[in-house]
PDB file of N, CA and C in Angstrom:
ATOM      1  N   UNK A   1      27.329 -14.781  63.538  1.00  0.00           N
ATOM      2  CA  UNK A   1      26.593 -14.717  64.454  1.00  0.00           C
ATOM      3  C   UNK A   1      24.985 -15.002  64.562  1.00  0.00           C
ATOM      4  N   UNK A   2      24.876 -16.254  63.993  1.00  0.00           N
ATOM      5  CA  UNK A   2      23.723 -17.081  63.940  1.00  0.00           C
ATOM      6  C   UNK A   2      23.307 -17.603  65.164  1.00  0.00           C
ATOM      7  N   UNK A   3      22.417 -17.498  65.811  1.00  0.00           N
ATOM      8  CA  UNK A   3      21.736 -18.060  67.168  1.00  0.00           C
ATOM      9  C   UNK A   3      21.693 -17.149  68.432  1.00  0.00           C
ATOM     10  N   UNK A   4      22.141 -15.436  67.988  1.00  0.00           N
ATOM     11  CA  UNK A   4      22.001 -14.620  68.949  1.00  0.00           C
ATOM     12  C   UNK A   4      20.596 -13.793  68.177  1.00  0.00           C
ATOM     13  N   UNK A   5      20.388 -13.262  68.981  1.00  0.00           N
ATOM     14  CA  UNK A   5      18.874 -11.967  69.409  1.00  0.00           C
ATOM     15  C   UNK A   5      19.666 -11.125  68.606  1.00  0.00           C
ATOM     16  N   UNK A   6      18.913 -10.831  67.462  1.00  0.00           N
ATOM     17  CA  UNK A   6      19.524  -9.661  66.912  1.00  0.00           C
ATOM     18  C   UNK A   6      18.490  -7.688  67.107  1.00  0.00           C
ATOM     19  N   UNK A   7      17.433  -8.385  68.191  1.00  0.00           N
ATOM     20  CA  UNK A   7      16.461  -6.821  68.412  1.00  0.00           C
ATOM     21  C   UNK A   7      17.356  -6.188  68.731  1.00  0.00           C
ATOM     22  N   UNK A   8      17.923  -5.615  69.594  1.00  0.00           N
ATOM     23  CA  UNK A   8      18.987  -4.285  69.918  1.00  0.00           C
ATOM     24  C   UNK A   8      19.556  -3.958  69.048  1.00  0.00           C
ATOM     25  N   UNK A   9      20.229  -4.371  68.005  1.00  0.00           N
ATOM     26  CA  UNK A   9      20.861  -3.878  66.732  1.00  0.00           C
ATOM     27  C   UNK A   9      19.652  -3.629  65.802  1.00  0.00           C
ATOM     28  N   UNK A  10      18.632  -4.189  65.898  1.00  0.00           N
ATOM     29  CA  UNK A  10      17.670  -3.704  64.409  1.00  0.00           C
ATOM     30  C   UNK A  10      17.081  -2.567  65.587  1.00  0.00           C
ATOM     31  N   UNK A  11      16.770  -2.423  66.573  1.00  0.00           N
ATOM     32  CA  UNK A  11      16.437  -1.253  67.042  1.00  0.00           C
ATOM     33  C   UNK A  11      17.242  -0.244  66.983  1.00  0.00           C
ATOM     34  N   UNK A  12      18.501  -0.361  67.076  1.00  0.00           N
ATOM     35  CA  UNK A  12      19.737   0.838  66.908  1.00  0.00           C
ATOM     36  C   UNK A  12      19.460   1.227  65.716  1.00  0.00           C
ATOM     37  N   UNK A  13      19.591   0.479  64.562  1.00  0.00           N
ATOM     38  CA  UNK A  13      19.773   0.874  63.254  1.00  0.00           C
ATOM     39  C   UNK A  13      18.514   1.452  62.541  1.00  0.00           C
ATOM     40  N   UNK A  14      16.993   1.082  63.514  1.00  0.00           N
ATOM     41  CA  UNK A  14      16.128   1.378  62.976  1.00  0.00           C
ATOM     42  C   UNK A  14      15.869   3.233  63.896  1.00  0.00           C
ATOM     43  N   UNK A  15      17.135   3.695  65.000  1.00  0.00           N
ATOM     44  CA  UNK A  15      16.456   4.828  65.204  1.00  0.00           C
ATOM     45  C   UNK A  15      17.264   5.937  65.258  1.00  0.00           C
ATOM     46  N   UNK A  16      17.015   6.810  65.472  1.00  0.00           N
ATOM     47  CA  UNK A  16      17.770   7.936  65.257  1.00  0.00           C
ATOM     48  C   UNK A  16      19.601   7.683  65.131  1.00  0.00           C
ATOM     49  N   UNK A  17      19.761   8.635  63.738  1.00  0.00           N
ATOM     50  CA  UNK A  17      20.901   8.286  63.680  1.00  0.00           C
ATOM     51  C   UNK A  17      21.927   9.106  63.707  1.00  0.00           C
ATOM     52  N   UNK A  18      23.494   9.623  63.716  1.00  0.00           N
ATOM     53  CA  UNK A  18      23.994  10.537  63.933  1.00  0.00           C
ATOM     54  C   UNK A  18      24.439  11.370  62.428  1.00  0.00           C
ATOM     55  N   UNK A  19      24.301  12.342  62.368  1.00  0.00           N
ATOM     56  CA  UNK A  19      24.881  13.072  60.934  1.00  0.00           C
ATOM     57  C   UNK A  19      25.710  12.381  60.464  1.00  0.00           C
ATOM     58  N   UNK A  20      25.504  12.551  58.764  1.00  0.00           N
ATOM     59  CA  UNK A  20      26.549  11.552  58.069  1.00  0.00           C
ATOM     60  C   UNK A  20      26.654  10.075  58.086  1.00  0.00           C
ATOM     61  N   UNK A  21      25.555   9.315  59.053  1.00  0.00           N
ATOM     62  CA  UNK A  21      25.276   8.037  58.844  1.00  0.00           C
ATOM     63  C   UNK A  21      24.583   7.878  58.110  1.00  0.00           C
ATOM     64  N   UNK A  22      24.042   7.057  57.012  1.00  0.00           N
ATOM     65  CA  UNK A  22      23.175   6.250  56.565  1.00  0.00           C
ATOM     66  C   UNK A  22      22.224   5.168  56.939  1.00  0.00           C
ATOM     67  N   UNK A  23      21.399   5.381  56.815  1.00  0.00           N
ATOM     68  CA  UNK A  23      20.799   3.781  57.411  1.00  0.00           C
ATOM     69  C   UNK A  23      21.130   2.556  57.163  1.00  0.00           C
ATOM     70  N   UNK A  24      21.331   2.517  55.604  1.00  0.00           N
ATOM     71  CA  UNK A  24      22.892   1.600  54.744  1.00  0.00           C
ATOM     72  C   UNK A  24      23.809   1.171  55.815  1.00  0.00           C
ATOM     73  N   UNK A  25      24.432   2.381  55.897  1.00  0.00           N
ATOM     74  CA  UNK A  25      25.985   2.140  56.607  1.00  0.00           C
ATOM     75  C   UNK A  25      26.063   1.697  57.931  1.00  0.00           C
ATOM     76  N   UNK A  26      24.596   2.413  58.907  1.00  0.00           N
ATOM     77  CA  UNK A  26      24.352   1.443  59.953  1.00  0.00           C
ATOM     78  C   UNK A  26      24.208   0.240  60.076  1.00  0.00           C
ATOM     79  N   UNK A  27      23.440  -0.268  59.290  1.00  0.00           N
ATOM     80  CA  UNK A  27      23.099  -1.874  59.648  1.00  0.00           C
ATOM     81  C   UNK A  27      24.402  -2.790  59.018  1.00  0.00           C
ATOM     82  N   UNK A  28      24.847  -1.764  58.031  1.00  0.00           N
ATOM     83  CA  UNK A  28      25.987  -3.046  57.437  1.00  0.00           C
ATOM     84  C   UNK A  28      26.874  -2.632  59.179  1.00  0.00           C
ATOM     85  N   UNK A  29      27.150  -1.681  59.397  1.00  0.00           N
ATOM     86  CA  UNK A  29      28.146  -2.020  60.945  1.00  0.00           C
ATOM     87  C   UNK A  29      27.352  -2.848  61.533  1.00  0.00           C
ATOM     88  N   UNK A  30      26.218  -2.703  61.987  1.00  0.00           N
ATOM     89  CA  UNK A  30      25.061  -3.427  63.104  1.00  0.00           C
ATOM     90  C   UNK A  30      24.891  -4.987  63.025  1.00  0.00           C
ATOM     91  N   UNK A  31      25.346  -5.077  61.445  1.00  0.00           N
ATOM     92  CA  UNK A  31      24.657  -6.642  61.006  1.00  0.00           C
ATOM     93  C   UNK A  31      23.820  -7.282  60.589  1.00  0.00           C
ATOM     94  N   UNK A  32      22.821  -5.763  60.527  1.00  0.00           N
ATOM     95  CA  UNK A  32      21.588  -6.817  60.639  1.00  0.00           C
ATOM     96  C   UNK A  32      21.124  -6.336  58.899  1.00  0.00           C
ATOM     97  N   UNK A  33      19.586  -6.600  58.360  1.00  0.00           N
ATOM     98  CA  UNK A  33      19.413  -6.437  57.053  1.00  0.00           C
ATOM     99  C   UNK A  33      18.980  -5.013  57.300  1.00  0.00           C
ATOM    100  N   UNK A  34      18.581  -3.891  55.839  1.00  0.00           N
ATOM    101  CA  UNK A  34      17.678  -2.648  56.217  1.00  0.00           C
ATOM    102  C   UNK A  34      16.518  -3.317  56.218  1.00  0.00           C
ATOM    103  N   UNK A  35      16.241  -4.066  55.730  1.00  0.00           N
ATOM    104  CA  UNK A  35      14.716  -4.442  55.739  1.00  0.00           C
ATOM    105  C   UNK A  35      14.179  -5.030  56.894  1.00  0.00           C
ATOM    106  N   UNK A  36      14.984  -5.210  57.597  1.00  0.00           N
ATOM    107  CA  UNK A  36      14.452  -5.272  59.414  1.00  0.00           C
ATOM    108  C   UNK A  36      14.598  -4.223  60.056  1.00  0.00           C
ATOM    109  N   UNK A  37      15.295  -2.855  59.862  1.00  0.00           N
ATOM    110  CA  UNK A  37      15.310  -1.788  60.192  1.00  0.00           C
ATOM    111  C   UNK A  37      14.475  -1.165  59.773  1.00  0.00           C
ATOM    112  N   UNK A  38      13.917  -1.482  58.669  1.00  0.00           N
ATOM    113  CA  UNK A  38      12.915  -0.430  58.180  1.00  0.00           C
ATOM    114  C   UNK A  38      11.659  -0.891  58.602  1.00  0.00           C
ATOM    115  N   UNK A  39      11.596  -2.259  59.117  1.00  0.00           N
ATOM    116  CA  UNK A  39      10.231  -2.500  59.358  1.00  0.00           C
ATOM    117  C   UNK A  39       9.681  -2.499  60.737  1.00  0.00           C
ATOM    118  N   UNK A  40      11.304  -2.205  61.318  1.00  0.00           N
ATOM    119  CA  UNK A  40      10.703  -2.023  63.257  1.00  0.00           C
ATOM    120  C   UNK A  40      10.674  -0.469  63.169  1.00  0.00           C
ATOM    121  N   UNK A  41      11.288   0.429  62.020  1.00  0.00           N
ATOM    122  CA  UNK A  41      10.566   1.757  61.817  1.00  0.00           C
ATOM    123  C   UNK A  41       9.042   2.178  61.869  1.00  0.00           C
ATOM    124  N   UNK A  42       8.893   1.114  60.914  1.00  0.00           N
ATOM    125  CA  UNK A  42       7.238   1.314  60.764  1.00  0.00           C
ATOM    126  C   UNK A  42       6.535   0.696  61.841  1.00  0.00           C
ATOM    127  N   UNK A  43       7.091  -0.695  62.465  1.00  0.00           N
ATOM    128  CA  UNK A  43       6.082  -0.932  63.525  1.00  0.00           C
ATOM    129  C   UNK A  43       6.226  -0.355  64.805  1.00  0.00           C
ATOM    130  N   UNK A  44       7.616   0.579  64.978  1.00  0.00           N
ATOM    131  CA  UNK A  44       7.386   1.430  65.965  1.00  0.00           C
ATOM    132  C   UNK A  44       6.514   2.467  65.975  1.00  0.00           C
ATOM    133  N   UNK A  45       6.158   3.412  64.463  1.00  0.00           N
ATOM    134  CA  UNK A  45       5.002   4.238  64.549  1.00  0.00           C
ATOM    135  C   UNK A  45       4.154   3.770  64.678  1.00  0.00           C
ATOM    136  N   UNK A  46       3.387   2.397  64.500  1.00  0.00           N
ATOM    137  CA  UNK A  46       2.293   1.881  64.191  1.00  0.00           C
ATOM    138  C   UNK A  46       2.297   1.562  65.700  1.00  0.00           C
ATOM    139  N   UNK A  47       3.217   1.291  66.601  1.00  0.00           N
ATOM    140  CA  UNK A  47       3.172   0.662  67.788  1.00  0.00           C
ATOM    141  C   UNK A  47       2.069   1.788  69.205  1.00  0.00           C
ATOM    142  N   UNK A  48       2.625   2.719  68.765  1.00  0.00           N
ATOM    143  CA  UNK A  48       2.388   3.599  69.895  1.00  0.00           C
ATOM    144  C   UNK A  48       0.969   4.784  69.307  1.00  0.00           C
ATOM    145  N   UNK A  49       0.830   4.139  68.233  1.00  0.00           N
ATOM    146  CA  UNK A  49      -1.088   4.790  68.065  1.00  0.00           C
ATOM    147  C   UNK A  49      -0.199   5.618  67.228  1.00  0.00           C
ATOM    148  N   UNK A  50       0.725   5.926  66.350  1.00  0.00           N
ATOM    149  CA  UNK A  50       1.036   7.126  65.162  1.00  0.00           C
ATOM    150  C   UNK A  50       0.871   5.773  63.786  1.00  0.00           C
ATOM    151  N   UNK A  51       0.487   6.864  62.902  1.00  0.00           N
ATOM    152  CA  UNK A  51       0.264   6.224  61.788  1.00  0.00           C
ATOM    153  C   UNK A  51       1.698   6.060  60.886  1.00  0.00           C
ATOM    154  N   UNK A  52       2.053   4.827  60.753  1.00  0.00           N
ATOM    155  CA  UNK A  52       3.485   4.254  60.190  1.00  0.00           C
ATOM    156  C   UNK A  52       3.546   5.473  58.901  1.00  0.00           C
ATOM    157  N   UNK A  53       2.552   6.087  58.161  1.00  0.00           N
ATOM    158  CA  UNK A  53       2.979   6.836  56.659  1.00  0.00           C
ATOM    159  C   UNK A  53       2.710   8.152  57.309  1.00  0.00           C
ATOM    160  N   UNK A  54       3.526   9.254  56.921  1.00  0.00           N
ATOM    161  CA  UNK A  54       3.652  10.623  57.194  1.00  0.00           C
ATOM    162  C   UNK A  54       2.524  11.027  56.152  1.00  0.00           C
ATOM    163  N   UNK A  55       1.875  12.082  56.184  1.00  0.00           N
ATOM    164  CA  UNK A  55       1.152  12.598  55.558  1.00  0.00           C
ATOM    165  C   UNK A  55       1.714  13.199  54.168  1.00  0.00           C
ATOM    166  N   UNK A  56       3.579  13.307  53.940  1.00  0.00           N
ATOM    167  CA  UNK A  56       3.785  13.459  53.123  1.00  0.00           C
ATOM    168  C   UNK A  56       4.226  12.341  52.206  1.00  0.00           C
ATOM    169  N   UNK A  57       4.360  10.861  52.892  1.00  0.00           N
ATOM    170  CA  UNK A  57       3.748   9.995  52.620  1.00  0.00           C
ATOM    171  C   UNK A  57       2.818   9.301  51.721  1.00  0.00           C
ATOM    172  N   UNK A  58       1.138   9.931  52.122  1.00  0.00           N
ATOM    173  CA  UNK A  58       0.206   9.492  51.612  1.00  0.00           C
ATOM    174  C   UNK A  58      -0.192  10.639  50.311  1.00  0.00           C
ATOM    175  N   UNK A  59       0.251  11.761  50.111  1.00  0.00           N
ATOM    176  CA  UNK A  59       0.315  12.857  49.280  1.00  0.00           C
ATOM    177  C   UNK A  59       0.863  12.243  47.840  1.00  0.00           C
ATOM    178  N   UNK A  60       2.326  11.481  48.836  1.00  0.00           N
ATOM    179  CA  UNK A  60       3.335  11.040  47.022  1.00  0.00           C
ATOM    180  C   UNK A  60       2.188   9.488  46.711  1.00  0.00           C
ATOM    181  N   UNK A  61       1.743   8.981  47.819  1.00  0.00           N
ATOM    182  CA  UNK A  61       1.095   7.731  46.910  1.00  0.00           C
ATOM    183  C   UNK A  61       0.034   7.976  46.518  1.00  0.00           C
ATOM    184  N   UNK A  62      -0.886   8.640  46.689  1.00  0.00           N
ATOM    185  CA  UNK A  62      -2.054   9.395  46.135  1.00  0.00           C
ATOM    186  C   UNK A  62      -1.860   9.817  44.611  1.00  0.00           C
ATOM    187  N   UNK A  63      -0.412  10.634  44.295  1.00  0.00           N
ATOM    188  CA  UNK A  63      -0.017  11.227  42.878  1.00  0.00           C
ATOM    189  C   UNK A  63       0.401   9.964  42.384  1.00  0.00           C
ATOM    190  N   UNK A  64       1.179   9.090  42.894  1.00  0.00           N
ATOM    191  CA  UNK A  64       1.719   7.502  42.267  1.00  0.00           C
ATOM    192  C   UNK A  64       0.620   6.883  41.299  1.00  0.00           C
ATOM    193  N   UNK A  65      -0.370   6.675  42.777  1.00  0.00           N
ATOM    194  CA  UNK A  65      -2.157   6.548  42.059  1.00  0.00           C
ATOM    195  C   UNK A  65      -2.309   7.198  41.095  1.00  0.00           C
ATOM    196  N   UNK A  66      -2.732   8.307  41.084  1.00  0.00           N
ATOM    197  CA  UNK A  66      -3.341   9.334  39.804  1.00  0.00           C
ATOM    198  C   UNK A  66      -2.778   8.968  38.599  1.00  0.00           C
ATOM    199  N   UNK A  67      -1.331   9.199  38.537  1.00  0.00           N
ATOM    200  CA  UNK A  67      -0.203   8.647  37.502  1.00  0.00           C
ATOM    201  C   UNK A  67      -0.950   7.137  36.881  1.00  0.00           C
ATOM    202  N   UNK A  68      -0.597   6.389  37.474  1.00  0.00           N
ATOM    203  CA  UNK A  68      -0.755   4.501  37.307  1.00  0.00           C
ATOM    204  C   UNK A  68      -1.950   4.548  36.821  1.00  0.00           C
ATOM    205  N   UNK A  69      -3.386   5.166  37.008  1.00  0.00           N
ATOM    206  CA  UNK A  69      -4.446   5.032  37.123  1.00  0.00           C
ATOM    207  C   UNK A  69      -4.850   5.831  35.481  1.00  0.00           C
ATOM    208  N   UNK A  70      -4.081   6.950  34.919  1.00  0.00           N
ATOM    209  CA  UNK A  70      -4.169   7.501  33.751  1.00  0.00           C
ATOM    210  C   UNK A  70      -3.612   6.848  33.139  1.00  0.00           C
ATOM    211  N   UNK A  71      -2.617   5.896  33.272  1.00  0.00           N
ATOM    212  CA  UNK A  71      -1.463   5.081  32.219  1.00  0.00           C
ATOM    213  C   UNK A  71      -1.136   3.833  32.884  1.00  0.00           C
ATOM    214  N   UNK A  72      -1.526   3.052  32.481  1.00  0.00           N
ATOM    215  CA  UNK A  72      -1.649   1.642  33.265  1.00  0.00           C
ATOM    216  C   UNK A  72      -0.011   1.115  32.770  1.00  0.00           C
ATOM    217  N   UNK A  73       0.311   1.765  31.630  1.00  0.00           N
ATOM    218  CA  UNK A  73       1.152   0.849  31.437  1.00  0.00           C
ATOM    219  C   UNK A  73       2.315   1.760  31.486  1.00  0.00           C
ATOM    220  N   UNK A  74       2.427   2.641  31.987  1.00  0.00           N
ATOM    221  CA  UNK A  74       3.787   2.898  33.078  1.00  0.00           C
ATOM    222  C   UNK A  74       4.296   2.095  34.158  1.00  0.00           C
ATOM    223  N   UNK A  75       5.478   1.974  34.271  1.00  0.00           N
ATOM    224  CA  UNK A  75       6.207   1.276  35.382  1.00  0.00           C
ATOM    225  C   UNK A  75       6.748   2.278  35.767  1.00  0.00           C
ATOM    226  N   UNK A  76       7.238   1.555  37.437  1.00  0.00           N
ATOM    227  CA  UNK A  76       7.747   2.652  38.683  1.00  0.00           C
ATOM    228  C   UNK A  76       9.311   2.812  37.580  1.00  0.00           C
ATOM    229  N   UNK A  77      10.032   2.889  36.571  1.00  0.00           N
ATOM    230  CA  UNK A  77      10.886   3.962  36.292  1.00  0.00           C
ATOM    231  C   UNK A  77      10.186   5.250  35.252  1.00  0.00           C
ATOM    232  N   UNK A  78       9.166   5.103  34.867  1.00  0.00           N
ATOM    233  CA  UNK A  78       8.760   5.942  34.291  1.00  0.00           C
ATOM    234  C   UNK A  78       7.968   7.098  35.236  1.00  0.00           C
ATOM    235  N   UNK A  79       6.964   6.988  36.159  1.00  0.00           N
ATOM    236  CA  UNK A  79       6.201   7.384  37.251  1.00  0.00           C
ATOM    237  C   UNK A  79       7.141   7.717  38.242  1.00  0.00           C
ATOM    238  N   UNK A  80       8.807   7.204  38.418  1.00  0.00           N
ATOM    239  CA  UNK A  80       9.384   8.067  39.355  1.00  0.00           C
ATOM    240  C   UNK A  80       9.987   9.324  38.699  1.00  0.00           C
ATOM    241  N   UNK A  81      10.198   9.338  37.306  1.00  0.00           N
ATOM    242  CA  UNK A  81      10.653  10.315  36.192  1.00  0.00           C
ATOM    243  C   UNK A  81       9.539  11.474  36.287  1.00  0.00           C
ATOM    244  N   UNK A  82       8.191  11.008  36.365  1.00  0.00           N
ATOM    245  CA  UNK A  82       7.305  11.701  36.318  1.00  0.00           C
ATOM    246  C   UNK A  82       7.046  12.799  37.392  1.00  0.00           C
ATOM    247  N   UNK A  83       7.244  12.483  38.603  1.00  0.00           N
ATOM    248  CA  UNK A  83       6.969  12.564  40.185  1.00  0.00           C
ATOM    249  C   UNK A  83       8.582  13.686  40.036  1.00  0.00           C
TER     250      UNK A  83
END
């Protein structure tokens, strides 16, 4: 499918999905990368003036930052176990 416009397929993968269909499987079926679908999801929130991060995301990022500042030697695996 080289040379074709993937925008409609990316937008479909980034949109609301039927129950039971994962984002990964939707991307596989549509032939688009998950990264592009997530990028479109983040861009859609920013385009309509909404913040791309939810309050829950902000709190989680702050918690991760706090753990990292306390223990700079901790990596992603250790921090994720602490959450």
